[in-house]
């Protein structure tokens, strides 16, 4: 399995206002990482 890459942004430390101010590029990176993480969690849950 490939290594999961977590974005360098610490999302739990960001307020809603800060997230809203992220550049389009950073929002895209965050979206891709979260989508990949969600997919991996769903696959892991289906292996049980």
Protein backbone atom coordinates (compact mmCIF):
# COMPACT_ATOMS: atom_id res chain seq x y z
CA UNK A 1 0.00 0.00 0.00
CA UNK A 2 1.23 3.49 -0.79
CA UNK A 3 2.10 5.91 1.94
CA UNK A 4 -0.75 8.28 2.78
CA UNK A 5 0.25 11.88 2.25
CA UNK A 6 -1.40 14.28 4.66
CA UNK A 7 -1.43 17.90 3.57
CA UNK A 8 1.06 20.17 5.31
CA UNK A 9 -1.83 22.31 6.48
CA UNK A 10 -2.97 21.41 9.96
CA UNK A 11 -6.67 21.61 9.27
CA UNK A 12 -7.68 21.16 12.90
CA UNK A 13 -5.78 24.38 13.67
CA UNK A 14 -7.58 26.42 11.01
CA UNK A 15 -10.73 28.40 11.62
CA UNK A 16 -13.55 28.44 9.09
CA UNK A 17 -12.45 31.94 8.08
CA UNK A 18 -8.88 30.75 7.50
CA UNK A 19 -10.06 27.81 5.40
CA UNK A 20 -12.24 30.17 3.38
CA UNK A 21 -9.16 32.31 2.69
CA UNK A 22 -7.02 29.44 1.38
CA UNK A 23 -5.89 29.72 -2.21
CA UNK A 24 -7.65 27.65 -4.83
CA UNK A 25 -4.51 25.53 -5.16
CA UNK A 26 -4.38 24.73 -1.43
CA UNK A 27 -8.08 23.92 -1.37
CA UNK A 28 -7.58 21.51 -4.28
CA UNK A 29 -4.65 19.83 -2.52
CA UNK A 30 -6.69 19.48 0.65
CA UNK A 31 -9.66 18.07 -1.27
CA UNK A 32 -7.51 15.47 -3.05
CA UNK A 33 -5.85 14.39 0.20
CA UNK A 34 -9.15 14.10 2.06
CA UNK A 35 -10.74 12.18 -0.81
CA UNK A 36 -7.82 9.75 -0.87
CA UNK A 37 -7.95 9.32 2.90
CA UNK A 38 -11.71 8.69 2.78
CA UNK A 39 -11.27 6.07 0.06
CA UNK A 40 -8.58 4.26 2.03
CA UNK A 41 -10.67 4.25 5.22
CA UNK A 42 -13.69 2.89 3.31
CA UNK A 43 -11.53 0.13 1.80
CA UNK A 44 -10.10 -0.76 5.20
CA UNK A 45 -13.58 -0.96 6.70
CA UNK A 46 -14.73 -3.23 3.88
CA UNK A 47 -11.89 -5.66 4.61
CA UNK A 48 -13.32 -6.52 8.02
